[in-house]
Amino acid sequence: ISIATPAWIIAPAYRPPASAAELVSGLVPVRATLGGQFALLGVSDEAAVAAPGQPLTVTVSWQSLSPAASDYSVFVHL
């Protein structure tokens, strides 16, 4: 058990964050910069048509360009 602990229990907790390229894989590239603090890298195009009353899943990928001075929230208006 002590041999397996580093590889299967500890290592996943210290996995490096995904790169920007990994985050936008499968997304439509946008590359918009907001206030010099954030970049919108891409959005999903999985559901091009949504029916009224049906759920719609939207995936967006953001990147922080500098430390944020305050907390921000994001919403999608369709």
Protein backbone atom coordinates (compact mmCIF):
# COMPACT_ATOMS: atom_id res chain seq x y z
CA ILE A 1 0.00 0.00 0.00
CA SER A 2 2.78 2.47 0.79
CA ILE A 3 4.23 2.05 -2.70
CA ALA A 4 0.90 2.79 -4.40
CA THR A 5 -0.05 5.77 -2.23
CA PRO A 6 2.10 8.40 -4.01
CA ALA A 7 0.98 7.41 -7.51
CA TRP A 8 -2.76 6.86 -7.00
CA ILE A 9 -3.66 9.04 -4.03
CA ILE A 10 -1.19 11.90 -3.70
CA ALA A 11 -0.25 12.55 -7.37
CA PRO A 12 -3.77 13.46 -8.61
CA ALA A 13 -3.99 16.20 -5.96
CA TYR A 14 -0.81 17.80 -7.30
CA ARG A 15 -1.56 17.48 -11.01
CA PRO A 16 -0.63 20.69 -12.87
CA PRO A 17 -3.56 22.76 -14.18
CA ALA A 18 -4.67 22.25 -17.76
CA SER A 19 -2.98 24.38 -20.40
CA ALA A 20 -4.95 26.92 -22.45
CA ALA A 21 -4.71 24.59 -25.45
CA GLU A 22 -6.27 21.74 -23.46
CA LEU A 23 -9.06 23.98 -22.17
CA VAL A 24 -10.17 25.11 -25.63
CA SER A 25 -9.93 21.72 -27.27
CA GLY A 26 -13.28 21.20 -29.01
CA LEU A 27 -14.45 24.78 -28.44
CA VAL A 28 -15.03 27.53 -31.00
CA PRO A 29 -12.15 30.01 -30.54
CA VAL A 30 -13.18 33.51 -29.44
CA ARG A 31 -10.01 35.19 -28.15
CA ALA A 32 -11.69 38.27 -26.66
CA THR A 33 -9.96 40.28 -23.95
CA LEU A 34 -11.99 42.02 -21.26
CA GLY A 35 -10.43 44.98 -19.49
CA GLY A 36 -6.96 43.55 -19.84
CA GLN A 37 -7.73 41.17 -16.95
CA PHE A 38 -9.52 38.25 -18.58
CA ALA A 39 -9.51 36.49 -21.93
CA LEU A 40 -12.46 34.53 -23.27
CA LEU A 41 -10.70 31.73 -25.12
CA GLY A 42 -13.59 29.74 -26.54
CA VAL A 43 -17.22 28.63 -26.30
CA SER A 44 -19.02 25.40 -27.09
CA ASP A 45 -21.22 25.03 -30.12
CA GLU A 46 -22.73 21.69 -29.11
CA ALA A 47 -26.34 22.85 -29.19
CA ALA A 48 -26.85 25.18 -32.14
CA VAL A 49 -30.63 24.89 -31.73
CA ALA A 50 -32.43 24.98 -28.40
CA ALA A 51 -36.11 24.23 -27.93
CA PRO A 52 -38.13 26.40 -25.54
CA GLY A 53 -38.20 24.94 -22.04
CA GLN A 54 -35.32 22.57 -22.71
CA PRO A 55 -31.97 22.85 -20.92
CA LEU A 56 -29.03 24.19 -22.88
CA THR A 57 -25.46 23.45 -21.86
CA VAL A 58 -22.92 26.16 -22.64
CA THR A 59 -19.20 25.70 -22.01
CA VAL A 60 -16.93 28.74 -21.88
CA SER A 61 -13.20 28.82 -21.27
CA TRP A 62 -11.70 31.87 -19.52
CA GLN A 63 -8.12 32.75 -18.73
CA SER A 64 -6.97 35.23 -16.12
CA LEU A 65 -4.39 37.63 -17.52
CA SER A 66 -3.64 39.37 -14.23
CA PRO A 67 -4.77 39.08 -10.61
CA ALA A 68 -8.36 40.29 -10.22
CA ALA A 69 -8.89 43.28 -7.94
CA SER A 70 -12.32 41.95 -6.90
CA ASP A 71 -14.65 38.99 -7.38
CA TYR A 72 -16.51 38.75 -10.67
CA SER A 73 -19.50 36.76 -11.83
CA VAL A 74 -20.51 35.83 -15.36
CA PHE A 75 -23.89 35.08 -16.89
CA VAL A 76 -25.09 34.07 -20.34
CA HIS A 77 -28.00 35.94 -21.85
CA LEU A 78 -29.71 34.12 -24.71
